[in-house]
Amino acid sequence: MRSVASENRRKKLIQLIHVGKGKMGMNDEGYRAFLIGVCGRDSAAKMTIRQLEQALKAMRGNGFATPNRVKQGERGQATLAQLEYIKGMWAVCARNKSDAALTAFVKRIAYVDALRFLDVDLAQKVILALRKMMIAAGFDPDTSGRKF
């Protein structure tokens, strides 16, 4: 018996394959020939999750692009590059260069208790605040913190 999560994943893959069939302009005969060639099955409903992923990968290789539908609240955590950028700018322009001072600054700007809780949007907000701080301190934020 399949779990609910795997069944939902399977349905989503079948849906994407059917969208790909339409976007690529395949007729029913061509679609079934494609599936047989890639996975050895003539219907997406008869495929395993691995075979469905294989078929979708083959469609992507032939030009089908799945839409990127990341919702605003699902963007995830800040990237490593953003966190390193924040720490680097802090090291250049802050008077108190301690981690505690950086944490207090982030808490004041983004209302989170630690850098690890920043999402992409909040990290961008902190970066913009640090850029303003660098300019006010006489540093150029675009050239690795050189003085103006």
C-alpha atoms as a PDB file:
ATOM      1  CA  MET A   1       0.000   0.000   0.000  1.00  0.00           C
ATOM      2  CA  ARG A   2       1.269   3.453  -0.900  1.00  0.00           C
ATOM      3  CA  SER A   3       1.563   6.265   1.602  1.00  0.00           C
ATOM      4  CA  VAL A   4      -0.476   9.419   1.173  1.00  0.00           C
ATOM      5  CA  ALA A   5       2.645  11.485   0.441  1.00  0.00           C
ATOM      6  CA  SER A   6       3.870   9.134  -2.284  1.00  0.00           C
ATOM      7  CA  GLU A   7       0.399   8.959  -3.820  1.00  0.00           C
ATOM      8  CA  ASN A   8       0.214  12.772  -3.889  1.00  0.00           C
ATOM      9  CA  ARG A   9       3.677  12.902  -5.473  1.00  0.00           C
ATOM     10  CA  ARG A  10       2.586  10.324  -8.053  1.00  0.00           C
ATOM     11  CA  LYS A  11      -0.548  12.324  -8.942  1.00  0.00           C
ATOM     12  CA  LYS A  12       1.513  15.515  -9.259  1.00  0.00           C
ATOM     13  CA  LEU A  13       3.998  13.799 -11.598  1.00  0.00           C
ATOM     14  CA  ILE A  14       1.176  12.415 -13.758  1.00  0.00           C
ATOM     15  CA  GLN A  15      -0.346  15.883 -13.902  1.00  0.00           C
ATOM     16  CA  LEU A  16       2.986  17.424 -14.972  1.00  0.00           C
ATOM     17  CA  ILE A  17       3.463  14.760 -17.640  1.00  0.00           C
ATOM     18  CA  HIS A  18       0.000  15.481 -19.038  1.00  0.00           C
ATOM     19  CA  VAL A  19       0.747  19.219 -19.036  1.00  0.00           C
ATOM     20  CA  GLY A  20       4.005  18.436 -20.846  1.00  0.00           C
ATOM     21  CA  LYS A  21       2.131  16.361 -23.408  1.00  0.00           C
ATOM     22  CA  GLY A  22      -0.093  19.342 -24.182  1.00  0.00           C
ATOM     23  CA  LYS A  23       2.690  21.944 -24.176  1.00  0.00           C
ATOM     24  CA  MET A  24       4.846  19.813 -26.463  1.00  0.00           C
ATOM     25  CA  GLY A  25       1.931  19.291 -28.872  1.00  0.00           C
ATOM     26  CA  MET A  26       1.956  15.499 -28.703  1.00  0.00           C
ATOM     27  CA  ASN A  27      -1.014  13.592 -30.058  1.00  0.00           C
ATOM     28  CA  ASP A  28      -2.173  10.491 -28.180  1.00  0.00           C
ATOM     29  CA  GLU A  29      -0.267   8.098 -30.424  1.00  0.00           C
ATOM     30  CA  GLY A  30       2.982  10.072 -30.160  1.00  0.00           C
ATOM     31  CA  TYR A  31       2.562  10.417 -26.397  1.00  0.00           C
ATOM     32  CA  ARG A  32       2.162   6.665 -25.913  1.00  0.00           C
ATOM     33  CA  ALA A  33       5.135   5.948 -28.188  1.00  0.00           C
ATOM     34  CA  PHE A  34       7.205   8.432 -26.145  1.00  0.00           C
ATOM     35  CA  LEU A  35       6.236   6.734 -22.860  1.00  0.00           C
ATOM     36  CA  ILE A  36       7.041   3.268 -24.232  1.00  0.00           C
ATOM     37  CA  GLY A  37      10.401   4.500 -25.492  1.00  0.00           C
ATOM     38  CA  VAL A  38      11.344   6.096 -22.187  1.00  0.00           C
ATOM     39  CA  CYS A  39       9.825   3.760 -19.597  1.00  0.00           C
ATOM     40  CA  GLY A  40       8.414   0.730 -21.359  1.00  0.00           C
ATOM     41  CA  ARG A  41       4.822   1.536 -20.362  1.00  0.00           C
ATOM     42  CA  ASP A  42       2.128   3.029 -22.575  1.00  0.00           C
ATOM     43  CA  SER A  43       0.256   4.890 -19.820  1.00  0.00           C
ATOM     44  CA  ALA A  44       1.361   7.207 -17.044  1.00  0.00           C
ATOM     45  CA  ALA A  45      -1.216   5.598 -14.745  1.00  0.00           C
ATOM     46  CA  LYS A  46       0.637   2.266 -14.993  1.00  0.00           C
ATOM     47  CA  MET A  47       4.033   3.747 -14.052  1.00  0.00           C
ATOM     48  CA  THR A  48       5.897   3.790 -10.771  1.00  0.00           C
ATOM     49  CA  ILE A  49       7.089   7.065  -9.271  1.00  0.00           C
ATOM     50  CA  ARG A  50      10.613   6.398 -10.548  1.00  0.00           C
ATOM     51  CA  GLN A  51       9.296   5.821 -14.092  1.00  0.00           C
ATOM     52  CA  LEU A  52       7.177   8.973 -13.891  1.00  0.00           C
ATOM     53  CA  GLU A  53      10.228  10.991 -12.832  1.00  0.00           C
ATOM     54  CA  GLN A  54      12.179   9.429 -15.695  1.00  0.00           C
ATOM     55  CA  ALA A  55       9.453  10.382 -18.201  1.00  0.00           C
ATOM     56  CA  LEU A  56       9.294  13.943 -16.859  1.00  0.00           C
ATOM     57  CA  LYS A  57      13.082  14.233 -17.066  1.00  0.00           C
ATOM     58  CA  ALA A  58      12.952  13.079 -20.687  1.00  0.00           C
ATOM     59  CA  MET A  59      10.255  15.680 -21.432  1.00  0.00           C
ATOM     60  CA  ARG A  60      12.402  18.385 -19.862  1.00  0.00           C
ATOM     61  CA  GLY A  61      15.300  17.202 -22.011  1.00  0.00           C
ATOM     62  CA  ASN A  62      13.092  17.705 -25.058  1.00  0.00           C
ATOM     63  CA  GLY A  63      12.198  21.289 -24.180  1.00  0.00           C
ATOM     64  CA  PHE A  64       9.329  21.094 -21.677  1.00  0.00           C
ATOM     65  CA  ALA A  65       9.844  23.586 -18.852  1.00  0.00           C
ATOM     66  CA  THR A  66       7.803  23.142 -15.690  1.00  0.00           C
ATOM     67  CA  PRO A  67       6.452  26.368 -14.240  1.00  0.00           C
ATOM     68  CA  ASN A  68       8.201  27.732 -11.153  1.00  0.00           C
ATOM     69  CA  ARG A  69       5.405  28.292  -8.683  1.00  0.00           C
ATOM     70  CA  VAL A  70       7.098  29.165  -5.432  1.00  0.00           C
ATOM     71  CA  LYS A  71       4.693  31.069  -3.242  1.00  0.00           C
ATOM     72  CA  GLN A  72       5.868  34.057  -1.246  1.00  0.00           C
ATOM     73  CA  GLY A  73       5.649  32.252   2.088  1.00  0.00           C
ATOM     74  CA  GLU A  74       7.444  29.148   0.778  1.00  0.00           C
ATOM     75  CA  ARG A  75      10.663  30.769  -0.393  1.00  0.00           C
ATOM     76  CA  GLY A  76      12.711  29.170   2.319  1.00  0.00           C
ATOM     77  CA  GLN A  77      15.743  30.147   4.298  1.00  0.00           C
ATOM     78  CA  ALA A  78      18.273  32.797   3.366  1.00  0.00           C
ATOM     79  CA  THR A  79      21.011  31.584   1.060  1.00  0.00           C
ATOM     80  CA  LEU A  80      24.518  31.002   2.291  1.00  0.00           C
ATOM     81  CA  ALA A  81      25.708  33.814   0.021  1.00  0.00           C
ATOM     82  CA  GLN A  82      23.275  36.251   1.672  1.00  0.00           C
ATOM     83  CA  LEU A  83      24.419  35.261   5.161  1.00  0.00           C
ATOM     84  CA  GLU A  84      28.091  35.612   4.221  1.00  0.00           C
ATOM     85  CA  TYR A  85      27.367  38.997   2.630  1.00  0.00           C
ATOM     86  CA  ILE A  86      25.642  40.168   5.812  1.00  0.00           C
ATOM     87  CA  LYS A  87      28.554  39.034   7.994  1.00  0.00           C
ATOM     88  CA  GLY A  88      31.099  40.589   5.649  1.00  0.00           C
ATOM     89  CA  MET A  89      29.380  43.965   5.571  1.00  0.00           C
ATOM     90  CA  TRP A  90      28.979  43.846   9.343  1.00  0.00           C
ATOM     91  CA  ALA A  91      32.717  43.188   9.753  1.00  0.00           C
ATOM     92  CA  VAL A  92      33.530  46.217   7.608  1.00  0.00           C
ATOM     93  CA  CYS A  93      31.204  48.907   8.930  1.00  0.00           C
ATOM     94  CA  ALA A  94      30.112  48.058  12.474  1.00  0.00           C
ATOM     95  CA  ARG A  95      31.721  49.709  15.455  1.00  0.00           C
ATOM     96  CA  ASN A  96      31.050  46.664  17.642  1.00  0.00           C
ATOM     97  CA  LYS A  97      31.954  43.701  15.438  1.00  0.00           C
ATOM     98  CA  SER A  98      30.794  40.985  17.848  1.00  0.00           C
ATOM     99  CA  ASP A  99      28.262  38.290  16.943  1.00  0.00           C
ATOM    100  CA  ALA A 100      26.010  39.488  19.756  1.00  0.00           C
ATOM    101  CA  ALA A 101      25.904  42.981  18.245  1.00  0.00           C
ATOM    102  CA  LEU A 102      25.105  41.541  14.801  1.00  0.00           C
ATOM    103  CA  THR A 103      22.323  39.430  16.322  1.00  0.00           C
ATOM    104  CA  ALA A 104      20.875  42.496  18.062  1.00  0.00           C
ATOM    105  CA  PHE A 105      21.006  44.433  14.767  1.00  0.00           C
ATOM    106  CA  VAL A 106      19.247  41.621  12.892  1.00  0.00           C
ATOM    107  CA  LYS A 107      16.619  41.389  15.640  1.00  0.00           C
ATOM    108  CA  ARG A 108      15.955  45.133  15.388  1.00  0.00           C
ATOM    109  CA  ILE A 109      15.673  45.090  11.572  1.00  0.00           C
ATOM    110  CA  ALA A 110      14.045  41.715  10.835  1.00  0.00           C
ATOM    111  CA  TYR A 111      12.443  40.753  14.178  1.00  0.00           C
ATOM    112  CA  VAL A 112      14.138  37.322  14.323  1.00  0.00           C
ATOM    113  CA  ASP A 113      16.315  36.008  17.131  1.00  0.00           C
ATOM    114  CA  ALA A 114      19.220  34.724  15.020  1.00  0.00           C
ATOM    115  CA  LEU A 115      20.641  34.853  11.514  1.00  0.00           C
ATOM    116  CA  ARG A 116      19.587  31.260  10.890  1.00  0.00           C
ATOM    117  CA  PHE A 117      15.918  32.264  11.104  1.00  0.00           C
ATOM    118  CA  LEU A 118      16.150  34.765   8.241  1.00  0.00           C
ATOM    119  CA  ASP A 119      14.277  33.912   5.082  1.00  0.00           C
ATOM    120  CA  VAL A 120      15.287  35.297   1.691  1.00  0.00           C
ATOM    121  CA  ASP A 121      13.149  38.444   1.966  1.00  0.00           C
ATOM    122  CA  LEU A 122      14.226  39.284   5.524  1.00  0.00           C
ATOM    123  CA  ALA A 123      17.879  38.740   4.600  1.00  0.00           C
ATOM    124  CA  GLN A 124      17.433  41.221   1.763  1.00  0.00           C
ATOM    125  CA  LYS A 125      15.940  43.714   4.221  1.00  0.00           C
ATOM    126  CA  VAL A 126      18.983  43.309   6.500  1.00  0.00           C
ATOM    127  CA  ILE A 127      21.355  43.680   3.531  1.00  0.00           C
ATOM    128  CA  LEU A 128      19.697  46.938   2.485  1.00  0.00           C
ATOM    129  CA  ALA A 129      19.931  48.281   6.049  1.00  0.00           C
ATOM    130  CA  LEU A 130      23.626  47.346   6.168  1.00  0.00           C
ATOM    131  CA  ARG A 131      24.238  49.047   2.821  1.00  0.00           C
ATOM    132  CA  LYS A 132      22.748  52.262   4.213  1.00  0.00           C
ATOM    133  CA  MET A 133      24.890  51.861   7.308  1.00  0.00           C
ATOM    134  CA  MET A 134      28.031  51.379   5.188  1.00  0.00           C
ATOM    135  CA  ILE A 135      27.298  54.503   3.148  1.00  0.00           C
ATOM    136  CA  ALA A 136      26.686  56.522   6.328  1.00  0.00           C
ATOM    137  CA  ALA A 137      30.034  55.294   7.699  1.00  0.00           C
ATOM    138  CA  GLY A 138      31.796  56.386   4.509  1.00  0.00           C
ATOM    139  CA  PHE A 139      32.284  52.963   2.902  1.00  0.00           C
ATOM    140  CA  ASP A 140      31.356  51.972  -0.645  1.00  0.00           C
ATOM    141  CA  PRO A 141      29.175  48.815  -0.387  1.00  0.00           C
ATOM    142  CA  ASP A 142      29.733  47.953  -4.059  1.00  0.00           C
ATOM    143  CA  THR A 143      33.529  47.729  -3.859  1.00  0.00           C
ATOM    144  CA  SER A 144      34.141  45.449  -0.888  1.00  0.00           C
ATOM    145  CA  GLY A 145      33.966  48.236   1.660  1.00  0.00           C
ATOM    146  CA  ARG A 146      36.614  50.654   0.373  1.00  0.00           C
ATOM    147  CA  LYS A 147      36.375  54.200   1.691  1.00  0.00           C
ATOM    148  CA  PHE A 148      34.768  56.780  -0.596  1.00  0.00           C
END
